Amino acid sequence: MSKVENNKEQKRNSLLDSAFTLFIDNGFSKTSIADIVKKAGVAKGTFYLYFKDKYDIRNHLISHKANQVFQAACAELAKHEEIKDFEEQVLFIINNILDQFAGNHNLVLLISKHLSWGFFKDFLSAAPGKDIPSIYETYEAMLAHAAHTYRTPDIMMYMILELVSGTSYNTILYEQPVPLNQIKKPLYEIIKGIFIQYRES
């Protein structure tokens, strides 16, 4: 990456980081573009080089943070070469992401509240950066080495994502109906059941 490209990336990331802090602290509706650029220390015109409006930066921010969480989980998985089974790899990634969310409730508030499937599908296919595969590309690579083949793997992934998102939100933020560590075992058993259901005979 050239010095110019690196400077652009730093400005974009500074805007994203500032928006994240302000959206969490003040709320989306009470945060203005002027607030974001002031906190980032850049000119207002710079904002429009990267984002169309406040809604656009929020969507990019969700992608940015969600990708960071996913890439961190994949980096941890890479340290465990003994985990070769596709289904075990998926469960490892889910467990790691849930632990990251448990350690940073702000991520849960940002990511879980604003994801629709239409947005999420586009996000899954978008590469987060040069030489970094998209989440969907990573998923396909894992599938290619799976011991089983699965019918409609996209729908299988959708079912798992919706289940994990819906189940974990209240357990992480409010420990309702039980704390996260108590929901994990039954949650993972259901996910294993989804895998079995979608395996091709």
N, C-alpha and C. Protein backbone atom coordinates (compact mmCIF):
# COMPACT_ATOMS: atom_id res chain seq x y z
N MET A 1 0.84 -1.19 0.00
CA MET A 1 0.00 0.00 0.00
C MET A 1 0.88 1.25 0.00
N SER A 2 0.63 2.18 -0.94
CA SER A 2 1.41 3.40 -1.04
C SER A 2 1.10 4.32 0.13
N LYS A 3 1.93 5.35 0.28
CA LYS A 3 1.74 6.31 1.37
C LYS A 3 0.40 7.03 1.23
N VAL A 4 0.03 7.39 0.00
CA VAL A 4 -1.24 8.07 -0.26
C VAL A 4 -2.41 7.16 0.09
N GLU A 5 -2.34 5.90 -0.35
CA GLU A 5 -3.41 4.95 -0.05
C GLU A 5 -3.52 4.70 1.44
N ASN A 6 -2.37 4.62 2.10
CA ASN A 6 -2.36 4.39 3.54
C ASN A 6 -2.99 5.58 4.28
N ASN A 7 -2.70 6.79 3.81
CA ASN A 7 -3.28 7.99 4.42
C ASN A 7 -4.80 8.01 4.25
N LYS A 8 -5.27 7.62 3.07
CA LYS A 8 -6.72 7.55 2.82
C LYS A 8 -7.38 6.53 3.73
N GLU A 9 -6.73 5.38 3.88
CA GLU A 9 -7.28 4.32 4.73
C GLU A 9 -7.34 4.77 6.19
N GLN A 10 -6.31 5.51 6.62
CA GLN A 10 -6.28 6.01 8.00
C GLN A 10 -7.42 7.01 8.25
N LYS A 11 -7.67 7.88 7.28
CA LYS A 11 -8.75 8.87 7.42
C LYS A 11 -10.11 8.17 7.46
N ARG A 12 -10.29 7.19 6.58
CA ARG A 12 -11.55 6.46 6.55
C ARG A 12 -11.78 5.73 7.89
N ASN A 13 -10.73 5.07 8.37
CA ASN A 13 -10.85 4.34 9.64
C ASN A 13 -11.09 5.29 10.81
N SER A 14 -10.47 6.47 10.75
CA SER A 14 -10.68 7.47 11.80
C SER A 14 -12.13 7.93 11.82
N LEU A 15 -12.73 8.11 10.66
CA LEU A 15 -14.14 8.49 10.58
C LEU A 15 -15.03 7.37 11.12
N LEU A 16 -14.71 6.13 10.77
CA LEU A 16 -15.48 4.99 11.25
C LEU A 16 -15.38 4.85 12.77
N ASP A 17 -14.18 4.99 13.30
CA ASP A 17 -13.98 4.88 14.75
C ASP A 17 -14.71 5.99 15.50
N SER A 18 -14.65 7.20 14.94
CA SER A 18 -15.34 8.33 15.58
C SER A 18 -16.85 8.12 15.55
N ALA A 19 -17.36 7.65 14.43
CA ALA A 19 -18.80 7.40 14.30
C ALA A 19 -19.24 6.32 15.29
N PHE A 20 -18.44 5.29 15.44
CA PHE A 20 -18.78 4.20 16.37
C PHE A 20 -18.92 4.73 17.79
N THR A 21 -17.94 5.50 18.23
CA THR A 21 -17.96 6.06 19.59
C THR A 21 -19.17 6.97 19.78
N LEU A 22 -19.43 7.83 18.81
CA LEU A 22 -20.54 8.79 18.94
C LEU A 22 -21.90 8.11 18.87
N PHE A 23 -22.03 7.13 17.98
CA PHE A 23 -23.31 6.43 17.87
C PHE A 23 -23.63 5.69 19.16
N ILE A 24 -22.61 5.11 19.79
CA ILE A 24 -22.82 4.36 21.03
C ILE A 24 -23.09 5.33 22.19
N ASP A 25 -22.30 6.41 22.27
CA ASP A 25 -22.42 7.34 23.39
C ASP A 25 -23.67 8.22 23.31
N ASN A 26 -23.95 8.73 22.10
CA ASN A 26 -25.02 9.72 21.96
C ASN A 26 -26.26 9.20 21.24
N GLY A 27 -26.13 8.06 20.57
CA GLY A 27 -27.22 7.55 19.76
C GLY A 27 -27.09 8.02 18.32
N PHE A 28 -27.60 7.22 17.40
CA PHE A 28 -27.49 7.54 15.98
C PHE A 28 -28.19 8.85 15.63
N SER A 29 -29.42 9.03 16.11
CA SER A 29 -30.21 10.20 15.74
C SER A 29 -29.63 11.51 16.26
N LYS A 30 -28.91 11.45 17.38
CA LYS A 30 -28.35 12.66 17.98
C LYS A 30 -26.92 12.95 17.54
N THR A 31 -26.40 12.12 16.64
CA THR A 31 -25.05 12.33 16.12
C THR A 31 -25.13 12.93 14.73
N SER A 32 -24.41 14.03 14.50
CA SER A 32 -24.39 14.67 13.18
C SER A 32 -23.08 14.37 12.47
N ILE A 33 -23.07 14.62 11.17
CA ILE A 33 -21.83 14.46 10.41
C ILE A 33 -20.77 15.43 10.93
N ALA A 34 -21.21 16.63 11.33
CA ALA A 34 -20.27 17.61 11.90
C ALA A 34 -19.61 17.05 13.16
N ASP A 35 -20.37 16.34 13.98
CA ASP A 35 -19.81 15.72 15.18
C ASP A 35 -18.75 14.69 14.82
N ILE A 36 -19.06 13.89 13.80
CA ILE A 36 -18.15 12.81 13.40
C ILE A 36 -16.83 13.36 12.88
N VAL A 37 -16.89 14.36 11.99
CA VAL A 37 -15.65 14.89 11.41
C VAL A 37 -14.83 15.64 12.46
N LYS A 38 -15.53 16.31 13.37
CA LYS A 38 -14.81 17.02 14.43
C LYS A 38 -14.03 16.04 15.30
N LYS A 39 -14.66 14.95 15.67
CA LYS A 39 -13.99 13.96 16.52
C LYS A 39 -12.86 13.27 15.76
N ALA A 40 -13.06 13.06 14.45
CA ALA A 40 -12.03 12.40 13.64
C ALA A 40 -10.88 13.34 13.29
N GLY A 41 -11.11 14.64 13.44
CA GLY A 41 -10.06 15.62 13.13
C GLY A 41 -9.82 15.81 11.64
N VAL A 42 -10.91 15.70 10.86
CA VAL A 42 -10.78 15.89 9.41
C VAL A 42 -11.80 16.94 8.96
N ALA A 43 -11.62 17.44 7.74
CA ALA A 43 -12.55 18.42 7.19
C ALA A 43 -13.86 17.74 6.78
N LYS A 44 -14.93 18.51 6.77
CA LYS A 44 -16.24 17.94 6.44
C LYS A 44 -16.26 17.38 5.01
N GLY A 45 -15.55 18.05 4.11
CA GLY A 45 -15.49 17.56 2.73
C GLY A 45 -14.87 16.18 2.63
N THR A 46 -13.96 15.88 3.55
CA THR A 46 -13.31 14.57 3.56
C THR A 46 -14.32 13.46 3.79
N PHE A 47 -15.32 13.75 4.63
CA PHE A 47 -16.36 12.75 4.92
C PHE A 47 -17.01 12.26 3.62
N TYR A 48 -17.32 13.21 2.73
CA TYR A 48 -18.06 12.87 1.51
C TYR A 48 -17.18 12.21 0.44
N LEU A 49 -15.89 12.14 0.68
CA LEU A 49 -15.02 11.35 -0.21
C LEU A 49 -15.23 9.86 0.01
N TYR A 50 -15.71 9.52 1.22
CA TYR A 50 -15.84 8.11 1.60
C TYR A 50 -17.29 7.65 1.80
N PHE A 51 -18.16 8.58 2.20
CA PHE A 51 -19.52 8.18 2.56
C PHE A 51 -20.53 9.18 2.00
N LYS A 52 -21.72 8.67 1.62
CA LYS A 52 -22.76 9.53 1.05
C LYS A 52 -23.46 10.36 2.11
N ASP A 53 -23.74 9.72 3.25
CA ASP A 53 -24.46 10.40 4.32
C ASP A 53 -24.27 9.61 5.62
N LYS A 54 -25.01 9.98 6.64
CA LYS A 54 -24.86 9.35 7.96
C LYS A 54 -25.30 7.88 7.92
N TYR A 55 -26.31 7.57 7.13
CA TYR A 55 -26.78 6.19 7.03
C TYR A 55 -25.74 5.31 6.34
N ASP A 56 -25.07 5.90 5.36
CA ASP A 56 -24.03 5.17 4.63
C ASP A 56 -22.86 4.82 5.54
N ILE A 57 -22.42 5.77 6.37
CA ILE A 57 -21.29 5.47 7.26
C ILE A 57 -21.72 4.45 8.31
N ARG A 58 -22.99 4.49 8.74
CA ARG A 58 -23.45 3.47 9.69
C ARG A 58 -23.37 2.08 9.07
N ASN A 59 -23.82 1.95 7.82
CA ASN A 59 -23.77 0.64 7.16
C ASN A 59 -22.34 0.17 6.97
N HIS A 60 -21.46 1.08 6.57
CA HIS A 60 -20.05 0.72 6.43
C HIS A 60 -19.43 0.36 7.78
N LEU A 61 -19.87 1.07 8.81
CA LEU A 61 -19.36 0.81 10.15
C LEU A 61 -19.76 -0.59 10.62
N ILE A 62 -21.00 -0.98 10.37
CA ILE A 62 -21.45 -2.31 10.74
C ILE A 62 -20.60 -3.36 10.03
N SER A 63 -20.39 -3.18 8.73
CA SER A 63 -19.55 -4.10 7.97
C SER A 63 -18.13 -4.15 8.52
N HIS A 64 -17.60 -2.96 8.80
CA HIS A 64 -16.23 -2.83 9.30
C HIS A 64 -16.05 -3.57 10.62
N LYS A 65 -16.94 -3.34 11.56
CA LYS A 65 -16.83 -3.96 12.88
C LYS A 65 -17.12 -5.46 12.80
N ALA A 66 -18.14 -5.85 12.04
CA ALA A 66 -18.45 -7.27 11.91
C ALA A 66 -17.31 -8.03 11.26
N ASN A 67 -16.67 -7.42 10.27
CA ASN A 67 -15.51 -8.07 9.64
C ASN A 67 -14.35 -8.20 10.62
N GLN A 68 -14.13 -7.19 11.44
CA GLN A 68 -13.06 -7.27 12.44
C GLN A 68 -13.29 -8.45 13.39
N VAL A 69 -14.55 -8.60 13.81
CA VAL A 69 -14.90 -9.70 14.72
C VAL A 69 -14.68 -11.05 14.02
N PHE A 70 -15.15 -11.16 12.79
CA PHE A 70 -15.01 -12.42 12.05
C PHE A 70 -13.55 -12.75 11.78
N GLN A 71 -12.77 -11.75 11.35
CA GLN A 71 -11.36 -12.00 11.05
C GLN A 71 -10.59 -12.40 12.31
N ALA A 72 -10.94 -11.81 13.45
CA ALA A 72 -10.29 -12.18 14.71
C ALA A 72 -10.61 -13.63 15.07
N ALA A 73 -11.87 -14.05 14.83
CA ALA A 73 -12.26 -15.43 15.10
C ALA A 73 -11.52 -16.40 14.18
N CYS A 74 -11.38 -16.03 12.91
CA CYS A 74 -10.65 -16.87 11.96
C CYS A 74 -9.17 -16.97 12.32
N ALA A 75 -8.61 -15.87 12.81
CA ALA A 75 -7.20 -15.88 13.22
C ALA A 75 -6.99 -16.84 14.38
N GLU A 76 -7.95 -16.88 15.31
CA GLU A 76 -7.87 -17.82 16.43
C GLU A 76 -8.02 -19.25 15.94
N LEU A 77 -8.93 -19.46 15.00
CA LEU A 77 -9.11 -20.81 14.44
C LEU A 77 -7.84 -21.31 13.77
N ALA A 78 -7.13 -20.41 13.10
CA ALA A 78 -5.90 -20.78 12.39
C ALA A 78 -4.82 -21.31 13.35
N LYS A 79 -4.93 -20.95 14.62
CA LYS A 79 -3.97 -21.43 15.63
C LYS A 79 -4.28 -22.87 16.06
N HIS A 80 -5.43 -23.38 15.65
CA HIS A 80 -5.85 -24.72 16.05
C HIS A 80 -5.92 -25.63 14.83
N GLU A 81 -4.75 -26.06 14.37
CA GLU A 81 -4.69 -26.88 13.16
C GLU A 81 -5.37 -28.24 13.35
N GLU A 82 -5.57 -28.62 14.62
CA GLU A 82 -6.22 -29.90 14.88
C GLU A 82 -7.71 -29.88 14.56
N ILE A 83 -8.29 -28.67 14.44
CA ILE A 83 -9.72 -28.57 14.11
C ILE A 83 -9.85 -28.55 12.59
N LYS A 84 -10.10 -29.69 12.02
CA LYS A 84 -10.15 -29.82 10.56
C LYS A 84 -11.57 -30.01 10.04
N ASP A 85 -12.48 -30.46 10.90
CA ASP A 85 -13.85 -30.72 10.49
C ASP A 85 -14.61 -29.41 10.29
N PHE A 86 -15.32 -29.30 9.17
CA PHE A 86 -16.05 -28.08 8.82
C PHE A 86 -17.02 -27.66 9.92
N GLU A 87 -17.79 -28.60 10.41
CA GLU A 87 -18.80 -28.27 11.41
C GLU A 87 -18.16 -27.81 12.72
N GLU A 88 -17.07 -28.42 13.10
CA GLU A 88 -16.34 -27.99 14.30
C GLU A 88 -15.72 -26.62 14.09
N GLN A 89 -15.26 -26.34 12.88
CA GLN A 89 -14.69 -25.02 12.59
C GLN A 89 -15.75 -23.92 12.72
N VAL A 90 -16.94 -24.18 12.17
CA VAL A 90 -18.02 -23.20 12.26
C VAL A 90 -18.39 -22.95 13.72
N LEU A 91 -18.49 -24.02 14.51
CA LEU A 91 -18.84 -23.88 15.92
C LEU A 91 -17.75 -23.12 16.67
N PHE A 92 -16.49 -23.35 16.33
CA PHE A 92 -15.38 -22.62 16.96
C PHE A 92 -15.50 -21.13 16.67
N ILE A 93 -15.76 -20.78 15.40
CA ILE A 93 -15.88 -19.37 15.01
C ILE A 93 -17.06 -18.72 15.73
N ILE A 94 -18.20 -19.41 15.78
CA ILE A 94 -19.37 -18.87 16.47
C ILE A 94 -19.07 -18.64 17.94
N ASN A 95 -18.43 -19.61 18.57
CA ASN A 95 -18.10 -19.49 19.99
C ASN A 95 -17.17 -18.31 20.25
N ASN A 96 -16.18 -18.16 19.38
CA ASN A 96 -15.23 -17.04 19.53
C ASN A 96 -15.93 -15.70 19.34
N ILE A 97 -16.82 -15.61 18.36
CA ILE A 97 -17.54 -14.36 18.12
C ILE A 97 -18.44 -14.01 19.30
N LEU A 98 -19.13 -15.02 19.85
CA LEU A 98 -19.98 -14.78 21.01
C LEU A 98 -19.15 -14.29 22.20
N ASP A 99 -17.97 -14.85 22.37
CA ASP A 99 -17.09 -14.40 23.46
C ASP A 99 -16.62 -12.96 23.23
N GLN A 100 -16.35 -12.61 21.96
CA GLN A 100 -15.98 -11.23 21.66
C GLN A 100 -17.13 -10.28 21.97
N PHE A 101 -18.34 -10.67 21.60
CA PHE A 101 -19.52 -9.86 21.90
C PHE A 101 -19.72 -9.71 23.41
N ALA A 102 -19.51 -10.81 24.12
CA ALA A 102 -19.68 -10.77 25.58
C ALA A 102 -18.69 -9.80 26.21
N GLY A 103 -17.53 -9.65 25.59
CA GLY A 103 -16.51 -8.75 26.11
C GLY A 103 -16.68 -7.31 25.66
N ASN A 104 -17.60 -7.07 24.71
CA ASN A 104 -17.81 -5.72 24.20
C ASN A 104 -19.28 -5.57 23.80
N HIS A 105 -20.10 -5.19 24.75
CA HIS A 105 -21.54 -5.07 24.50
C HIS A 105 -21.87 -4.04 23.44
N ASN A 106 -20.99 -3.06 23.24
CA ASN A 106 -21.25 -2.05 22.22
C ASN A 106 -21.32 -2.66 20.82
N LEU A 107 -20.51 -3.70 20.59
CA LEU A 107 -20.55 -4.38 19.30
C LEU A 107 -21.90 -5.04 19.08
N VAL A 108 -22.44 -5.63 20.13
CA VAL A 108 -23.76 -6.27 20.03
C VAL A 108 -24.81 -5.22 19.70
N LEU A 109 -24.77 -4.10 20.39
CA LEU A 109 -25.75 -3.04 20.17
C LEU A 109 -25.69 -2.52 18.74
N LEU A 110 -24.48 -2.37 18.21
CA LEU A 110 -24.33 -1.84 16.86
C LEU A 110 -24.71 -2.87 15.81
N ILE A 111 -24.14 -4.06 15.90
CA ILE A 111 -24.27 -5.04 14.83
C ILE A 111 -25.65 -5.70 14.82
N SER A 112 -26.09 -6.19 15.97
CA SER A 112 -27.33 -6.96 16.00
C SER A 112 -28.57 -6.13 15.72
N LYS A 113 -28.58 -4.89 16.11
CA LYS A 113 -29.77 -4.06 15.98
C LYS A 113 -30.06 -3.62 14.55
N HIS A 114 -29.05 -3.59 13.69
CA HIS A 114 -29.23 -2.97 12.39
C HIS A 114 -29.07 -3.90 11.20
N LEU A 115 -28.85 -5.18 11.45
CA LEU A 115 -28.65 -6.09 10.33
C LEU A 115 -29.98 -6.64 9.82
N SER A 116 -30.24 -6.41 8.55
CA SER A 116 -31.32 -7.11 7.87
C SER A 116 -30.65 -8.17 6.99
N TRP A 117 -31.40 -9.16 6.58
CA TRP A 117 -30.77 -10.21 5.75
C TRP A 117 -30.27 -9.63 4.43
N GLY A 118 -31.03 -8.69 3.82
CA GLY A 118 -30.59 -8.09 2.57
C GLY A 118 -29.25 -7.39 2.71
N PHE A 119 -29.12 -6.63 3.78
CA PHE A 119 -27.84 -5.95 4.03
C PHE A 119 -26.76 -6.97 4.31
N PHE A 120 -27.08 -7.97 5.14
CA PHE A 120 -26.08 -8.92 5.57
C PHE A 120 -25.58 -9.76 4.41
N LYS A 121 -26.46 -10.09 3.46
CA LYS A 121 -26.06 -10.89 2.31
C LYS A 121 -25.02 -10.14 1.48
N ASP A 122 -25.26 -8.83 1.28
CA ASP A 122 -24.29 -8.01 0.54
C ASP A 122 -22.97 -7.93 1.31
N PHE A 123 -23.08 -7.76 2.61
CA PHE A 123 -21.90 -7.64 3.46
C PHE A 123 -21.06 -8.92 3.43
N LEU A 124 -21.72 -10.08 3.43
CA LEU A 124 -21.00 -11.36 3.42
C LEU A 124 -20.12 -11.51 2.19
N SER A 125 -20.57 -10.93 1.07
CA SER A 125 -19.86 -11.10 -0.20
C SER A 125 -18.81 -10.02 -0.45
N ALA A 126 -18.78 -9.00 0.41
CA ALA A 126 -17.85 -7.88 0.21
C ALA A 126 -16.52 -8.16 0.90
N ALA A 127 -15.43 -8.03 0.14
CA ALA A 127 -14.11 -8.22 0.72
C ALA A 127 -13.78 -7.03 1.60
N PRO A 128 -13.30 -7.27 2.84
CA PRO A 128 -13.02 -6.16 3.76
C PRO A 128 -11.79 -5.35 3.41
N GLY A 129 -10.93 -5.88 2.56
CA GLY A 129 -9.71 -5.17 2.19
C GLY A 129 -8.91 -5.98 1.18
N LYS A 130 -7.87 -5.38 0.66
CA LYS A 130 -7.03 -6.05 -0.33
C LYS A 130 -6.40 -7.29 0.29
N ASP A 131 -6.46 -8.40 -0.46
CA ASP A 131 -5.87 -9.68 -0.03
C ASP A 131 -6.55 -10.29 1.19
N ILE A 132 -7.73 -9.77 1.57
CA ILE A 132 -8.49 -10.35 2.67
C ILE A 132 -9.79 -10.90 2.09
N PRO A 133 -10.02 -12.21 2.17
CA PRO A 133 -11.23 -12.78 1.57
C PRO A 133 -12.49 -12.33 2.31
N SER A 134 -13.59 -12.28 1.59
CA SER A 134 -14.86 -11.97 2.22
C SER A 134 -15.28 -13.13 3.11
N ILE A 135 -16.24 -12.88 3.97
CA ILE A 135 -16.75 -13.94 4.85
C ILE A 135 -17.31 -15.08 4.00
N TYR A 136 -18.01 -14.73 2.93
CA TYR A 136 -18.60 -15.78 2.09
C TYR A 136 -17.53 -16.61 1.40
N GLU A 137 -16.45 -15.98 0.95
CA GLU A 137 -15.34 -16.72 0.33
C GLU A 137 -14.69 -17.66 1.34
N THR A 138 -14.54 -17.19 2.58
CA THR A 138 -13.99 -18.04 3.64
C THR A 138 -14.91 -19.23 3.90
N TYR A 139 -16.21 -18.96 3.95
CA TYR A 139 -17.21 -20.01 4.16
C TYR A 139 -17.15 -21.04 3.04
N GLU A 140 -17.05 -20.58 1.78
CA GLU A 140 -16.98 -21.50 0.65
C GLU A 140 -15.71 -22.35 0.69
N ALA A 141 -14.60 -21.74 1.10
CA ALA A 141 -13.34 -22.48 1.20
C ALA A 141 -13.44 -23.57 2.27
N MET A 142 -14.09 -23.24 3.39
CA MET A 142 -14.30 -24.23 4.44
C MET A 142 -15.21 -25.36 3.95
N LEU A 143 -16.26 -25.00 3.23
CA LEU A 143 -17.18 -26.00 2.68
C LEU A 143 -16.49 -26.96 1.72
N ALA A 144 -15.55 -26.42 0.94
CA ALA A 144 -14.86 -27.24 -0.06
C ALA A 144 -14.07 -28.38 0.58
N HIS A 145 -13.71 -28.22 1.84
CA HIS A 145 -12.93 -29.25 2.55
C HIS A 145 -13.77 -30.02 3.56
N ALA A 146 -15.09 -29.81 3.51
CA ALA A 146 -15.97 -30.49 4.47
C ALA A 146 -16.09 -31.98 4.17
N ALA A 147 -16.31 -32.76 5.20
CA ALA A 147 -16.47 -34.20 5.05
C ALA A 147 -17.81 -34.54 4.41
N HIS A 148 -18.78 -33.65 4.54
CA HIS A 148 -20.10 -33.85 3.97
C HIS A 148 -20.38 -32.77 2.93
N THR A 149 -21.34 -33.04 2.04
CA THR A 149 -21.87 -31.98 1.18
C THR A 149 -23.23 -31.60 1.74
N TYR A 150 -23.60 -30.34 1.51
CA TYR A 150 -24.83 -29.81 2.10
C TYR A 150 -25.72 -29.24 1.00
N ARG A 151 -27.01 -29.54 1.10
CA ARG A 151 -27.95 -28.93 0.15
C ARG A 151 -28.23 -27.50 0.60
N THR A 152 -28.35 -26.62 -0.34
CA THR A 152 -28.59 -25.19 -0.09
C THR A 152 -27.76 -24.66 1.08
N PRO A 153 -26.43 -24.66 0.95
CA PRO A 153 -25.59 -24.18 2.06
C PRO A 153 -25.82 -22.73 2.43
N ASP A 154 -26.32 -21.92 1.46
CA ASP A 154 -26.63 -20.52 1.78
C ASP A 154 -27.77 -20.45 2.79
N ILE A 155 -28.81 -21.26 2.56
CA ILE A 155 -29.95 -21.28 3.48
C ILE A 155 -29.51 -21.84 4.84
N MET A 156 -28.65 -22.84 4.82
CA MET A 156 -28.13 -23.40 6.07
C MET A 156 -27.41 -22.32 6.88
N MET A 157 -26.58 -21.52 6.19
CA MET A 157 -25.86 -20.46 6.88
C MET A 157 -26.83 -19.41 7.42
N TYR A 158 -27.84 -19.06 6.62
CA TYR A 158 -28.85 -18.10 7.05
C TYR A 158 -29.55 -18.57 8.32
N MET A 159 -29.94 -19.84 8.36
CA MET A 159 -30.63 -20.40 9.52
C MET A 159 -29.74 -20.31 10.77
N ILE A 160 -28.47 -20.64 10.61
CA ILE A 160 -27.55 -20.62 11.75
C ILE A 160 -27.32 -19.19 12.24
N LEU A 161 -27.11 -18.26 11.29
CA LEU A 161 -26.88 -16.86 11.67
C LEU A 161 -28.07 -16.27 12.40
N GLU A 162 -29.27 -16.52 11.89
CA GLU A 162 -30.47 -16.01 12.53
C GLU A 162 -30.65 -16.60 13.93
N LEU A 163 -30.37 -17.88 14.05
CA LEU A 163 -30.50 -18.56 15.34
C LEU A 163 -29.53 -17.97 16.35
N VAL A 164 -28.27 -17.84 15.96
CA VAL A 164 -27.24 -17.33 16.87
C VAL A 164 -27.54 -15.89 17.25
N SER A 165 -27.89 -15.05 16.26
CA SER A 165 -28.18 -13.65 16.51
C SER A 165 -29.37 -13.48 17.45
N GLY A 166 -30.45 -14.18 17.14
CA GLY A 166 -31.66 -14.05 17.95
C GLY A 166 -31.52 -14.60 19.35
N THR A 167 -30.75 -15.68 19.48
CA THR A 167 -30.59 -16.33 20.78
C THR A 167 -29.64 -15.58 21.69
N SER A 168 -28.59 -15.00 21.11
CA SER A 168 -27.51 -14.45 21.93
C SER A 168 -27.75 -13.02 22.41
N TYR A 169 -28.58 -12.25 21.70
CA TYR A 169 -28.71 -10.82 22.00
C TYR A 169 -29.09 -10.57 23.46
N ASN A 170 -30.19 -11.13 23.91
CA ASN A 170 -30.65 -10.89 25.28
C ASN A 170 -29.78 -11.59 26.32
N THR A 171 -29.22 -12.75 25.94
CA THR A 171 -28.38 -13.45 26.92
C THR A 171 -27.09 -12.68 27.20
N ILE A 172 -26.55 -12.02 26.18
CA ILE A 172 -25.32 -11.26 26.36
C ILE A 172 -25.60 -9.94 27.09
N LEU A 173 -26.60 -9.22 26.64
CA LEU A 173 -26.83 -7.88 27.20
C LEU A 173 -27.54 -7.90 28.55
N TYR A 174 -28.45 -8.85 28.72
CA TYR A 174 -29.29 -8.81 29.93
C TYR A 174 -29.29 -10.11 30.73
N GLU A 175 -28.51 -11.11 30.25
CA GLU A 175 -28.47 -12.43 30.89
C GLU A 175 -29.88 -13.01 31.02
N GLN A 176 -30.69 -12.80 29.99
CA GLN A 176 -32.05 -13.31 29.97
C GLN A 176 -32.26 -14.21 28.74
N PRO A 177 -32.91 -15.34 28.83
CA PRO A 177 -33.48 -15.92 30.06
C PRO A 177 -32.43 -16.54 30.98
N VAL A 178 -31.21 -16.74 30.43
CA VAL A 178 -30.08 -17.24 31.23
C VAL A 178 -28.81 -16.58 30.71
N PRO A 179 -27.71 -16.61 31.48
CA PRO A 179 -26.45 -16.06 30.99
C PRO A 179 -25.93 -16.82 29.76
N LEU A 180 -25.04 -16.18 29.02
CA LEU A 180 -24.52 -16.75 27.78
C LEU A 180 -23.92 -18.13 27.98
N ASN A 181 -23.14 -18.33 29.06
CA ASN A 181 -22.47 -19.62 29.24
C ASN A 181 -23.46 -20.77 29.43
N GLN A 182 -24.68 -20.43 29.83
CA GLN A 182 -25.70 -21.47 30.00
C GLN A 182 -26.47 -21.75 28.72
N ILE A 183 -26.47 -20.81 27.80
CA ILE A 183 -27.20 -20.99 26.55
C ILE A 183 -26.34 -21.67 25.49
N LYS A 184 -25.02 -21.63 25.65
CA LYS A 184 -24.13 -22.14 24.61
C LYS A 184 -24.36 -23.61 24.29
N LYS A 185 -24.42 -24.46 25.30
CA LYS A 185 -24.54 -25.90 25.04
C LYS A 185 -25.80 -26.24 24.25
N PRO A 186 -27.01 -25.82 24.70
CA PRO A 186 -28.19 -26.12 23.90
C PRO A 186 -28.18 -25.45 22.52
N LEU A 187 -27.60 -24.24 22.44
CA LEU A 187 -27.50 -23.56 21.15
C LEU A 187 -26.66 -24.36 20.18
N TYR A 188 -25.52 -24.85 20.63
CA TYR A 188 -24.63 -25.60 19.75
C TYR A 188 -25.22 -26.95 19.36
N GLU A 189 -26.01 -27.54 20.25
CA GLU A 189 -26.67 -28.80 19.91
C GLU A 189 -27.69 -28.58 18.79
N ILE A 190 -28.39 -27.45 18.84
CA ILE A 190 -29.35 -27.14 17.78
C ILE A 190 -28.62 -26.89 16.46
N ILE A 191 -27.49 -26.20 16.52
CA ILE A 191 -26.70 -25.95 15.30
C ILE A 191 -26.22 -27.26 14.71
N LYS A 192 -25.78 -28.18 15.55
CA LYS A 192 -25.37 -29.50 15.05
C LYS A 192 -26.54 -30.19 14.36
N GLY A 193 -27.74 -30.01 14.92
CA GLY A 193 -28.93 -30.58 14.29
C GLY A 193 -29.21 -29.98 12.93
N ILE A 194 -28.95 -28.67 12.78
CA ILE A 194 -29.13 -28.01 11.48
C ILE A 194 -28.15 -28.60 10.47
N PHE A 195 -26.92 -28.80 10.89
CA PHE A 195 -25.94 -29.42 9.99
C PHE A 195 -26.45 -30.77 9.50
N ILE A 196 -26.90 -31.58 10.42
CA ILE A 196 -27.39 -32.93 10.08
C ILE A 196 -28.57 -32.84 9.10
N GLN A 197 -29.47 -31.91 9.37
CA GLN A 197 -30.65 -31.75 8.54
C GLN A 197 -30.29 -31.38 7.11
N TYR A 198 -29.21 -30.60 6.93
CA TYR A 198 -28.85 -30.12 5.59
C TYR A 198 -27.81 -30.99 4.89
N ARG A 199 -27.32 -32.03 5.56
CA ARG A 199 -26.39 -32.94 4.89
C ARG A 199 -27.09 -33.69 3.77
N GLU A 200 -26.38 -33.81 2.66
CA GLU A 200 -26.92 -34.62 1.57
C GLU A 200 -26.58 -36.08 1.81
N SER A 201 -27.55 -36.96 1.61
CA SER A 201 -27.31 -38.39 1.86
C SER A 201 -26.56 -39.03 0.70
